[in-house]
């Protein structure tokens, strides 16, 4: 898997939250995912133009790996636009900054621009 490869839309995800973690690699992978999700939440609270919602079960963040491509996601933090789920994934071991993908209405989008600004809404127009 390359740093820029992404899952084809509609492929089934085989998530495993008990995947074997290797320190320090997976500390960085999971921390980077959570940092970017936090930035998405701040964007929703302060700048979003679309009707975003998110929900969290107030438990520890549960990070799971898709065994088919190695990407990771937070399974207990859900995002929605107009009631439609937006799934955020991060490729495993990606060293390119701000690499987070959103699957929304059957399409996959890059969430951030190269400077770390949320650029998702402009792609949805």
C-alpha atoms as a PDB file:
ATOM      1  CA  UNK A   1       0.000   0.000   0.000  1.00  0.00           C
ATOM      2  CA  UNK A   2       1.344   3.407  -0.908  1.00  0.00           C
ATOM      3  CA  UNK A   3       0.881   6.519   1.147  1.00  0.00           C
ATOM      4  CA  UNK A   4      -1.704   7.860  -1.266  1.00  0.00           C
ATOM      5  CA  UNK A   5      -3.733   4.720  -1.914  1.00  0.00           C
ATOM      6  CA  UNK A   6      -7.314   4.718  -0.721  1.00  0.00           C
ATOM      7  CA  UNK A   7     -10.068   2.163  -0.512  1.00  0.00           C
ATOM      8  CA  UNK A   8     -12.422   1.996  -3.450  1.00  0.00           C
ATOM      9  CA  UNK A   9     -15.846   3.360  -2.586  1.00  0.00           C
ATOM     10  CA  UNK A  10     -18.202   0.609  -1.543  1.00  0.00           C
ATOM     11  CA  UNK A  11     -15.515  -1.910  -0.551  1.00  0.00           C
ATOM     12  CA  UNK A  12     -16.449  -3.733   2.619  1.00  0.00           C
ATOM     13  CA  UNK A  13     -14.468  -2.769   5.688  1.00  0.00           C
ATOM     14  CA  UNK A  14     -13.194  -5.487   7.990  1.00  0.00           C
ATOM     15  CA  UNK A  15     -12.454  -3.485  11.140  1.00  0.00           C
ATOM     16  CA  UNK A  16     -10.349  -4.836  13.969  1.00  0.00           C
ATOM     17  CA  UNK A  17      -9.844  -2.761  17.128  1.00  0.00           C
ATOM     18  CA  UNK A  18      -7.557  -5.434  18.584  1.00  0.00           C
ATOM     19  CA  UNK A  19      -4.933  -5.144  15.870  1.00  0.00           C
ATOM     20  CA  UNK A  20      -1.359  -5.593  17.077  1.00  0.00           C
ATOM     21  CA  UNK A  21       0.126  -2.218  17.859  1.00  0.00           C
ATOM     22  CA  UNK A  22       3.834  -1.508  17.596  1.00  0.00           C
ATOM     23  CA  UNK A  23       5.391   1.293  19.660  1.00  0.00           C
ATOM     24  CA  UNK A  24       6.303   3.975  18.670  1.00  0.00           C
ATOM     25  CA  UNK A  25       4.820   3.579  15.150  1.00  0.00           C
ATOM     26  CA  UNK A  26       1.203   3.174  16.223  1.00  0.00           C
ATOM     27  CA  UNK A  27       1.422   5.881  18.871  1.00  0.00           C
ATOM     28  CA  UNK A  28       2.138   8.310  16.037  1.00  0.00           C
ATOM     29  CA  UNK A  29      -0.475   6.793  13.694  1.00  0.00           C
ATOM     30  CA  UNK A  30      -3.295   6.978  16.229  1.00  0.00           C
ATOM     31  CA  UNK A  31      -2.233  10.361  17.608  1.00  0.00           C
ATOM     32  CA  UNK A  32      -2.195  11.801  14.091  1.00  0.00           C
ATOM     33  CA  UNK A  33      -5.687  10.457  13.387  1.00  0.00           C
ATOM     34  CA  UNK A  34      -7.052  11.934  16.626  1.00  0.00           C
ATOM     35  CA  UNK A  35      -5.342  15.291  15.969  1.00  0.00           C
ATOM     36  CA  UNK A  36      -6.972  15.554  12.561  1.00  0.00           C
ATOM     37  CA  UNK A  37     -10.394  14.519  13.881  1.00  0.00           C
ATOM     38  CA  UNK A  38     -10.050  17.184  16.581  1.00  0.00           C
ATOM     39  CA  UNK A  39      -9.318  19.743  13.898  1.00  0.00           C
ATOM     40  CA  UNK A  40     -12.449  18.619  12.004  1.00  0.00           C
ATOM     41  CA  UNK A  41     -14.545  19.108  15.165  1.00  0.00           C
ATOM     42  CA  UNK A  42     -13.153  22.636  15.645  1.00  0.00           C
ATOM     43  CA  UNK A  43     -13.945  23.357  11.989  1.00  0.00           C
ATOM     44  CA  UNK A  44     -17.529  22.156  12.508  1.00  0.00           C
ATOM     45  CA  UNK A  45     -17.925  24.325  15.612  1.00  0.00           C
ATOM     46  CA  UNK A  46     -16.382  27.493  14.168  1.00  0.00           C
ATOM     47  CA  UNK A  47     -16.458  27.578  10.367  1.00  0.00           C
ATOM     48  CA  UNK A  48     -18.743  24.974   8.789  1.00  0.00           C
ATOM     49  CA  UNK A  49     -21.423  26.110   6.384  1.00  0.00           C
ATOM     50  CA  UNK A  50     -23.085  22.717   5.903  1.00  0.00           C
ATOM     51  CA  UNK A  51     -25.330  21.182   8.609  1.00  0.00           C
ATOM     52  CA  UNK A  52     -22.717  18.987  10.308  1.00  0.00           C
ATOM     53  CA  UNK A  53     -23.337  16.888  13.393  1.00  0.00           C
ATOM     54  CA  UNK A  54     -21.103  14.558  15.332  1.00  0.00           C
ATOM     55  CA  UNK A  55     -21.703  12.100  18.137  1.00  0.00           C
ATOM     56  CA  UNK A  56     -19.414  10.441  20.631  1.00  0.00           C
ATOM     57  CA  UNK A  57     -20.298   7.897  23.311  1.00  0.00           C
ATOM     58  CA  UNK A  58     -18.122   9.642  25.964  1.00  0.00           C
ATOM     59  CA  UNK A  59     -15.907   6.567  26.185  1.00  0.00           C
ATOM     60  CA  UNK A  60     -12.219   6.228  25.339  1.00  0.00           C
ATOM     61  CA  UNK A  61     -11.632   6.708  21.638  1.00  0.00           C
ATOM     62  CA  UNK A  62     -11.764   3.336  19.905  1.00  0.00           C
ATOM     63  CA  UNK A  63      -9.302   3.090  17.039  1.00  0.00           C
ATOM     64  CA  UNK A  64      -9.791   0.208  14.630  1.00  0.00           C
ATOM     65  CA  UNK A  65      -7.840  -0.934  11.624  1.00  0.00           C
ATOM     66  CA  UNK A  66      -9.386  -2.010   8.347  1.00  0.00           C
ATOM     67  CA  UNK A  67      -7.653  -5.316   7.728  1.00  0.00           C
ATOM     68  CA  UNK A  68      -8.159  -5.039   3.965  1.00  0.00           C
ATOM     69  CA  UNK A  69      -5.999  -1.920   3.512  1.00  0.00           C
ATOM     70  CA  UNK A  70      -4.459  -1.095   6.914  1.00  0.00           C
ATOM     71  CA  UNK A  71      -6.224   2.248   7.293  1.00  0.00           C
ATOM     72  CA  UNK A  72      -7.380   3.314  10.745  1.00  0.00           C
ATOM     73  CA  UNK A  73     -10.469   5.109  11.992  1.00  0.00           C
ATOM     74  CA  UNK A  74     -12.191   6.057  15.218  1.00  0.00           C
ATOM     75  CA  UNK A  75     -15.269   3.845  15.500  1.00  0.00           C
ATOM     76  CA  UNK A  76     -17.035   5.618  18.357  1.00  0.00           C
ATOM     77  CA  UNK A  77     -16.874   9.164  16.987  1.00  0.00           C
ATOM     78  CA  UNK A  78     -19.410   9.550  14.177  1.00  0.00           C
ATOM     79  CA  UNK A  79     -19.876  12.472  11.804  1.00  0.00           C
ATOM     80  CA  UNK A  80     -22.864  13.425   9.669  1.00  0.00           C
ATOM     81  CA  UNK A  81     -23.826  16.042   7.085  1.00  0.00           C
ATOM     82  CA  UNK A  82     -27.597  16.434   6.682  1.00  0.00           C
ATOM     83  CA  UNK A  83     -28.060  13.054   8.357  1.00  0.00           C
ATOM     84  CA  UNK A  84     -25.661  11.221   6.004  1.00  0.00           C
ATOM     85  CA  UNK A  85     -22.642   9.622   7.655  1.00  0.00           C
ATOM     86  CA  UNK A  86     -19.154  10.858   6.816  1.00  0.00           C
ATOM     87  CA  UNK A  87     -16.492   8.207   7.522  1.00  0.00           C
ATOM     88  CA  UNK A  88     -12.970   9.475   8.151  1.00  0.00           C
ATOM     89  CA  UNK A  89      -9.963   7.197   7.602  1.00  0.00           C
ATOM     90  CA  UNK A  90      -6.220   7.636   7.754  1.00  0.00           C
ATOM     91  CA  UNK A  91      -3.811   5.444   5.764  1.00  0.00           C
ATOM     92  CA  UNK A  92      -1.486   3.533   8.067  1.00  0.00           C
ATOM     93  CA  UNK A  93       2.125   4.765   8.261  1.00  0.00           C
ATOM     94  CA  UNK A  94       1.432   7.729   6.006  1.00  0.00           C
ATOM     95  CA  UNK A  95       4.160  10.307   6.400  1.00  0.00           C
ATOM     96  CA  UNK A  96       2.450  12.964   4.309  1.00  0.00           C
ATOM     97  CA  UNK A  97       1.021  15.585   6.664  1.00  0.00           C
ATOM     98  CA  UNK A  98      -2.726  16.106   6.872  1.00  0.00           C
ATOM     99  CA  UNK A  99      -3.680  12.903   5.078  1.00  0.00           C
ATOM    100  CA  UNK A 100      -7.239  12.113   6.090  1.00  0.00           C
ATOM    101  CA  UNK A 101      -9.940  10.816   3.784  1.00  0.00           C
ATOM    102  CA  UNK A 102     -13.699  11.247   4.062  1.00  0.00           C
ATOM    103  CA  UNK A 103     -16.192   8.903   2.463  1.00  0.00           C
ATOM    104  CA  UNK A 104     -19.483  10.701   1.904  1.00  0.00           C
ATOM    105  CA  UNK A 105     -22.412   9.708  -0.312  1.00  0.00           C
ATOM    106  CA  UNK A 106     -20.359   7.121  -2.167  1.00  0.00           C
ATOM    107  CA  UNK A 107     -17.401   9.404  -2.924  1.00  0.00           C
ATOM    108  CA  UNK A 108     -13.993   9.711  -1.283  1.00  0.00           C
ATOM    109  CA  UNK A 109     -12.443  13.112  -0.574  1.00  0.00           C
ATOM    110  CA  UNK A 110      -9.170  14.445   0.830  1.00  0.00           C
ATOM    111  CA  UNK A 111     -10.168  16.397   3.966  1.00  0.00           C
ATOM    112  CA  UNK A 112      -7.272  18.856   4.382  1.00  0.00           C
ATOM    113  CA  UNK A 113      -5.256  21.022   2.051  1.00  0.00           C
ATOM    114  CA  UNK A 114      -1.456  20.931   2.204  1.00  0.00           C
ATOM    115  CA  UNK A 115      -1.404  23.571   4.961  1.00  0.00           C
ATOM    116  CA  UNK A 116      -3.745  21.675   7.285  1.00  0.00           C
ATOM    117  CA  UNK A 117      -6.923  23.617   6.564  1.00  0.00           C
ATOM    118  CA  UNK A 118     -10.167  21.684   6.246  1.00  0.00           C
ATOM    119  CA  UNK A 119     -10.968  21.740   2.542  1.00  0.00           C
ATOM    120  CA  UNK A 120     -13.804  19.224   2.435  1.00  0.00           C
ATOM    121  CA  UNK A 121     -16.818  21.503   2.091  1.00  0.00           C
ATOM    122  CA  UNK A 122     -15.413  23.232  -0.994  1.00  0.00           C
ATOM    123  CA  UNK A 123     -15.221  19.832  -2.724  1.00  0.00           C
ATOM    124  CA  UNK A 124     -18.862  19.033  -1.917  1.00  0.00           C
ATOM    125  CA  UNK A 125     -20.355  22.055  -3.723  1.00  0.00           C
END
